[in-house]
N, C-alpha and C. Protein backbone atom coordinates (compact mmCIF):
# COMPACT_ATOMS: atom_id res chain seq x y z
N ALA A 1 0.84 -1.18 0.00
CA ALA A 1 0.00 0.00 0.00
C ALA A 1 0.89 1.25 0.00
N SER A 2 0.36 2.28 -0.61
CA SER A 2 1.06 3.55 -0.62
C SER A 2 0.11 4.66 -0.22
N SER A 3 0.63 5.86 -0.04
CA SER A 3 -0.22 6.98 0.35
C SER A 3 -1.23 7.34 -0.74
N ASP A 4 -0.96 6.91 -1.98
CA ASP A 4 -1.90 7.18 -3.07
C ASP A 4 -3.12 6.26 -3.03
N ASP A 5 -3.05 5.19 -2.25
CA ASP A 5 -4.15 4.23 -2.17
C ASP A 5 -5.31 4.70 -1.30
N LYS A 6 -5.11 5.73 -0.50
CA LYS A 6 -6.16 6.19 0.41
C LYS A 6 -7.26 6.92 -0.36
N PRO A 7 -8.47 6.92 0.20
CA PRO A 7 -9.55 7.68 -0.45
C PRO A 7 -9.25 9.17 -0.39
N PRO A 8 -9.84 9.94 -1.30
CA PRO A 8 -9.58 11.38 -1.28
C PRO A 8 -10.09 12.03 0.01
N ASP A 9 -9.45 13.11 0.40
CA ASP A 9 -9.87 13.85 1.58
C ASP A 9 -11.27 14.43 1.36
N ILE A 10 -12.03 14.49 2.42
CA ILE A 10 -13.38 15.07 2.35
C ILE A 10 -13.25 16.59 2.32
N THR A 11 -13.87 17.21 1.33
CA THR A 11 -13.80 18.66 1.20
C THR A 11 -15.10 19.35 1.61
N HIS A 12 -16.20 18.60 1.62
CA HIS A 12 -17.50 19.16 2.00
C HIS A 12 -18.23 18.15 2.88
N ILE A 13 -18.85 18.65 3.94
CA ILE A 13 -19.66 17.81 4.81
C ILE A 13 -21.09 18.36 4.82
N VAL A 14 -22.05 17.45 4.62
CA VAL A 14 -23.46 17.81 4.64
C VAL A 14 -24.11 17.01 5.77
N PHE A 15 -24.69 17.70 6.74
CA PHE A 15 -25.42 17.05 7.81
C PHE A 15 -26.88 16.96 7.40
N VAL A 16 -27.40 15.75 7.38
CA VAL A 16 -28.79 15.52 6.97
C VAL A 16 -29.61 15.30 8.24
N VAL A 17 -30.51 16.22 8.52
CA VAL A 17 -31.32 16.17 9.73
C VAL A 17 -32.76 15.89 9.32
N HIS A 18 -33.34 14.84 9.88
CA HIS A 18 -34.71 14.49 9.54
C HIS A 18 -35.69 15.44 10.20
N GLY A 19 -36.90 15.39 9.69
CA GLY A 19 -37.96 16.20 10.27
C GLY A 19 -38.99 15.30 10.91
N ILE A 20 -40.22 15.55 10.66
CA ILE A 20 -41.33 14.82 11.26
C ILE A 20 -41.42 13.42 10.67
N GLY A 21 -41.75 12.47 11.51
CA GLY A 21 -42.04 11.13 11.04
C GLY A 21 -40.89 10.15 11.09
N GLN A 22 -39.71 10.57 11.48
CA GLN A 22 -38.57 9.65 11.51
C GLN A 22 -38.80 8.48 12.46
N LYS A 23 -39.51 8.69 13.53
CA LYS A 23 -39.75 7.62 14.50
C LYS A 23 -40.54 6.48 13.85
N MET A 24 -41.34 6.82 12.86
CA MET A 24 -42.19 5.83 12.22
C MET A 24 -41.40 4.82 11.40
N GLU A 25 -40.32 5.22 10.82
CA GLU A 25 -39.56 4.34 9.94
C GLU A 25 -38.09 4.36 10.34
N THR A 26 -37.71 3.43 11.19
CA THR A 26 -36.34 3.37 11.71
C THR A 26 -35.35 3.18 10.57
N GLY A 27 -34.28 3.94 10.61
CA GLY A 27 -33.23 3.82 9.60
C GLY A 27 -33.47 4.61 8.33
N ARG A 28 -34.56 5.30 8.25
CA ARG A 28 -34.88 6.04 7.02
C ARG A 28 -33.86 7.14 6.74
N ILE A 29 -33.36 7.79 7.77
CA ILE A 29 -32.40 8.87 7.56
C ILE A 29 -31.13 8.34 6.91
N ILE A 30 -30.74 7.13 7.25
CA ILE A 30 -29.56 6.52 6.63
C ILE A 30 -29.84 6.22 5.16
N LYS A 31 -31.04 5.71 4.87
CA LYS A 31 -31.43 5.46 3.48
C LYS A 31 -31.45 6.76 2.69
N ASN A 32 -31.92 7.82 3.32
CA ASN A 32 -31.97 9.12 2.64
C ASN A 32 -30.58 9.64 2.33
N CYS A 33 -29.64 9.44 3.23
CA CYS A 33 -28.25 9.85 2.97
C CYS A 33 -27.66 9.08 1.80
N THR A 34 -27.94 7.79 1.75
CA THR A 34 -27.47 6.97 0.63
C THR A 34 -28.08 7.45 -0.67
N SER A 35 -29.35 7.78 -0.63
CA SER A 35 -30.03 8.30 -1.82
C SER A 35 -29.42 9.63 -2.26
N LEU A 36 -29.11 10.50 -1.32
CA LEU A 36 -28.47 11.78 -1.66
C LEU A 36 -27.11 11.56 -2.32
N ARG A 37 -26.33 10.63 -1.79
CA ARG A 37 -25.03 10.31 -2.39
C ARG A 37 -25.19 9.84 -3.84
N GLU A 38 -26.14 8.92 -4.04
CA GLU A 38 -26.38 8.37 -5.38
C GLU A 38 -26.88 9.44 -6.34
N ASN A 39 -27.77 10.30 -5.87
CA ASN A 39 -28.29 11.38 -6.72
C ASN A 39 -27.20 12.37 -7.09
N LEU A 40 -26.33 12.67 -6.15
CA LEU A 40 -25.23 13.59 -6.43
C LEU A 40 -24.28 12.99 -7.46
N LYS A 41 -23.99 11.71 -7.32
CA LYS A 41 -23.12 11.03 -8.29
C LYS A 41 -23.74 11.07 -9.68
N TRP A 42 -25.04 10.76 -9.77
CA TRP A 42 -25.74 10.79 -11.05
C TRP A 42 -25.72 12.20 -11.63
N LEU A 43 -25.98 13.20 -10.79
CA LEU A 43 -26.01 14.59 -11.24
C LEU A 43 -24.66 15.01 -11.81
N LYS A 44 -23.59 14.65 -11.11
CA LYS A 44 -22.25 14.99 -11.60
C LYS A 44 -21.95 14.30 -12.93
N GLU A 45 -22.33 13.03 -13.07
CA GLU A 45 -22.05 12.28 -14.29
C GLU A 45 -22.89 12.73 -15.47
N LYS A 46 -24.16 12.98 -15.25
CA LYS A 46 -25.09 13.29 -16.35
C LYS A 46 -25.18 14.77 -16.69
N GLN A 47 -25.21 15.62 -15.69
CA GLN A 47 -25.45 17.04 -15.93
C GLN A 47 -24.17 17.87 -16.00
N PHE A 48 -23.12 17.39 -15.35
CA PHE A 48 -21.87 18.14 -15.30
C PHE A 48 -20.68 17.30 -15.77
N ALA A 49 -20.92 16.50 -16.80
CA ALA A 49 -19.89 15.56 -17.27
C ALA A 49 -18.61 16.27 -17.71
N GLY A 50 -18.71 17.45 -18.28
CA GLY A 50 -17.54 18.16 -18.77
C GLY A 50 -16.84 19.02 -17.74
N CYS A 51 -17.39 19.12 -16.57
CA CYS A 51 -16.82 19.98 -15.53
C CYS A 51 -15.74 19.26 -14.74
N ASP A 52 -14.74 20.01 -14.37
CA ASP A 52 -13.67 19.47 -13.54
C ASP A 52 -13.87 19.94 -12.10
N PHE A 53 -14.24 19.02 -11.25
CA PHE A 53 -14.46 19.34 -9.84
C PHE A 53 -13.20 19.12 -9.01
N GLY A 54 -12.14 18.69 -9.66
CA GLY A 54 -10.90 18.45 -8.94
C GLY A 54 -11.05 17.29 -7.98
N GLN A 55 -10.43 17.39 -6.86
CA GLN A 55 -10.47 16.32 -5.85
C GLN A 55 -11.51 16.61 -4.77
N GLN A 56 -12.63 17.18 -5.13
CA GLN A 56 -13.65 17.49 -4.14
C GLN A 56 -14.46 16.24 -3.80
N THR A 57 -14.62 16.00 -2.52
CA THR A 57 -15.39 14.86 -2.05
C THR A 57 -16.42 15.36 -1.05
N ILE A 58 -17.67 14.99 -1.27
CA ILE A 58 -18.75 15.40 -0.37
C ILE A 58 -19.18 14.17 0.43
N GLU A 59 -19.33 14.36 1.73
CA GLU A 59 -19.80 13.27 2.59
C GLU A 59 -21.08 13.71 3.28
N PHE A 60 -22.07 12.81 3.30
CA PHE A 60 -23.35 13.08 3.95
C PHE A 60 -23.40 12.32 5.27
N PHE A 61 -23.69 13.03 6.35
CA PHE A 61 -23.79 12.43 7.68
C PHE A 61 -25.22 12.54 8.19
N PRO A 62 -25.85 11.40 8.50
CA PRO A 62 -27.21 11.46 9.06
C PRO A 62 -27.17 11.91 10.52
N VAL A 63 -28.12 12.75 10.88
CA VAL A 63 -28.24 13.20 12.27
C VAL A 63 -29.60 12.70 12.77
N GLU A 64 -29.58 11.69 13.60
CA GLU A 64 -30.80 11.11 14.13
C GLU A 64 -30.91 11.57 15.57
N TRP A 65 -31.70 12.58 15.81
CA TRP A 65 -31.75 13.24 17.11
C TRP A 65 -32.85 12.71 18.02
N ARG A 66 -33.82 12.04 17.47
CA ARG A 66 -35.02 11.75 18.26
C ARG A 66 -34.90 10.49 19.12
N SER A 67 -34.08 9.53 18.74
CA SER A 67 -34.09 8.24 19.43
C SER A 67 -33.69 8.33 20.90
N ASN A 68 -32.89 9.32 21.28
CA ASN A 68 -32.45 9.43 22.67
C ASN A 68 -33.38 10.26 23.55
N LEU A 69 -34.44 10.79 22.98
CA LEU A 69 -35.37 11.60 23.77
C LEU A 69 -36.40 10.72 24.47
N THR A 70 -36.67 11.03 25.70
CA THR A 70 -37.76 10.40 26.44
C THR A 70 -38.64 11.55 26.92
N LEU A 71 -39.59 11.88 26.08
CA LEU A 71 -40.34 13.11 26.35
C LEU A 71 -41.58 12.88 27.21
N ASP A 72 -42.34 11.83 26.95
CA ASP A 72 -43.57 11.66 27.72
C ASP A 72 -43.50 10.47 28.68
N ALA A 73 -42.38 9.76 28.70
CA ALA A 73 -42.15 8.62 29.61
C ALA A 73 -43.29 7.61 29.55
N GLY A 74 -43.88 7.42 28.38
CA GLY A 74 -44.94 6.42 28.21
C GLY A 74 -46.32 6.88 28.61
N LEU A 75 -46.46 8.14 28.99
CA LEU A 75 -47.76 8.66 29.44
C LEU A 75 -48.81 8.56 28.34
N ILE A 76 -48.45 8.97 27.13
CA ILE A 76 -49.42 8.96 26.01
C ILE A 76 -49.96 7.55 25.78
N GLU A 77 -49.08 6.57 25.76
CA GLU A 77 -49.52 5.18 25.52
C GLU A 77 -50.35 4.65 26.68
N SER A 78 -50.05 5.08 27.90
CA SER A 78 -50.79 4.56 29.06
C SER A 78 -52.23 5.07 29.11
N ILE A 79 -52.53 6.20 28.51
CA ILE A 79 -53.89 6.74 28.54
C ILE A 79 -54.66 6.49 27.25
N THR A 80 -54.06 5.76 26.31
CA THR A 80 -54.70 5.49 25.03
C THR A 80 -55.55 4.23 25.11
N PRO A 81 -56.83 4.31 24.75
CA PRO A 81 -57.67 3.09 24.73
C PRO A 81 -57.08 2.05 23.77
N HIS A 82 -57.15 0.77 24.16
CA HIS A 82 -56.54 -0.30 23.37
C HIS A 82 -57.13 -0.42 21.97
N LYS A 83 -58.39 -0.04 21.80
CA LYS A 83 -59.03 -0.17 20.48
C LYS A 83 -58.42 0.75 19.44
N ILE A 84 -57.83 1.85 19.86
CA ILE A 84 -57.25 2.79 18.89
C ILE A 84 -55.73 2.92 19.03
N ILE A 85 -55.10 1.91 19.62
CA ILE A 85 -53.66 1.99 19.85
C ILE A 85 -52.88 2.14 18.54
N GLY A 86 -53.31 1.45 17.47
CA GLY A 86 -52.63 1.56 16.17
C GLY A 86 -52.70 2.97 15.61
N LEU A 87 -53.87 3.57 15.69
CA LEU A 87 -54.05 4.94 15.21
C LEU A 87 -53.21 5.90 16.05
N ARG A 88 -53.21 5.73 17.37
CA ARG A 88 -52.44 6.60 18.24
C ARG A 88 -50.94 6.48 17.96
N GLN A 89 -50.44 5.28 17.74
CA GLN A 89 -49.03 5.09 17.45
C GLN A 89 -48.65 5.77 16.14
N MET A 90 -49.52 5.65 15.13
CA MET A 90 -49.25 6.31 13.85
C MET A 90 -49.24 7.83 14.00
N LEU A 91 -50.19 8.38 14.74
CA LEU A 91 -50.23 9.82 14.96
C LEU A 91 -49.04 10.29 15.79
N ASN A 92 -48.68 9.53 16.82
CA ASN A 92 -47.52 9.89 17.63
C ASN A 92 -46.25 9.91 16.79
N ALA A 93 -46.10 8.92 15.94
CA ALA A 93 -44.88 8.82 15.14
C ALA A 93 -44.78 9.90 14.08
N SER A 94 -45.92 10.38 13.60
CA SER A 94 -45.85 11.34 12.50
C SER A 94 -46.10 12.79 12.89
N PHE A 95 -46.82 13.06 13.98
CA PHE A 95 -47.16 14.44 14.33
C PHE A 95 -46.68 14.90 15.70
N MET A 96 -46.16 14.00 16.49
CA MET A 96 -45.78 14.36 17.84
C MET A 96 -44.64 15.38 17.87
N ASP A 97 -43.76 15.36 16.86
CA ASP A 97 -42.66 16.33 16.80
C ASP A 97 -43.19 17.76 16.84
N ILE A 98 -44.28 18.00 16.14
CA ILE A 98 -44.87 19.35 16.09
C ILE A 98 -45.34 19.77 17.49
N MET A 99 -46.02 18.86 18.16
CA MET A 99 -46.53 19.18 19.50
C MET A 99 -45.38 19.40 20.49
N TYR A 100 -44.33 18.57 20.41
CA TYR A 100 -43.18 18.77 21.29
C TYR A 100 -42.50 20.11 21.02
N TYR A 101 -42.33 20.44 19.75
CA TYR A 101 -41.66 21.69 19.41
C TYR A 101 -42.46 22.90 19.89
N ASN A 102 -43.76 22.82 19.83
CA ASN A 102 -44.60 23.94 20.25
C ASN A 102 -44.86 23.98 21.75
N SER A 103 -44.44 22.96 22.46
CA SER A 103 -44.65 22.89 23.90
C SER A 103 -43.51 23.61 24.64
N SER A 104 -43.86 24.51 25.53
CA SER A 104 -42.82 25.21 26.30
C SER A 104 -42.06 24.24 27.20
N GLN A 105 -42.70 23.17 27.62
CA GLN A 105 -42.07 22.19 28.51
C GLN A 105 -40.99 21.38 27.77
N TYR A 106 -41.23 21.00 26.51
CA TYR A 106 -40.32 20.10 25.79
C TYR A 106 -39.50 20.78 24.70
N ARG A 107 -39.76 22.01 24.39
CA ARG A 107 -39.08 22.70 23.29
C ARG A 107 -37.56 22.65 23.41
N GLU A 108 -37.05 22.89 24.61
CA GLU A 108 -35.60 22.89 24.80
C GLU A 108 -34.98 21.52 24.52
N GLU A 109 -35.70 20.45 24.86
CA GLU A 109 -35.20 19.10 24.57
C GLU A 109 -34.98 18.97 23.08
C-alpha cells in the first residue's frame, strides 16, 4: 500500500437532519443519505460531465436526534384506549414532533 491508495480527503460535509415522522420508519435517515449520495453522483455524471471538480469529495452524515429523547415517559400510551392503539401510534410517530416543538415544557429538549 502507498499513500496514493487512500480515499480522497473530504472537502464538503453535509449534515442531513430528519424532520417529522422519523420515528415511524427506523433507519430512514440513513437510506436518505445513501439516496443523496447516489443522486449527487448521477447529477455529476449526467449534468456536469464536462466539468472538472478536482479532488472534491462530499460526505453526507445522518443526524438522528429523536431516538435518545424520552419526552412523555410512556404517558401517552398509558392513557390510550386499546381499540385505537394503532391509530395513536401512527399519529404519535408522524405528528408528535410538532406538538413537542410547540410545547414550552419540551421545546428545549
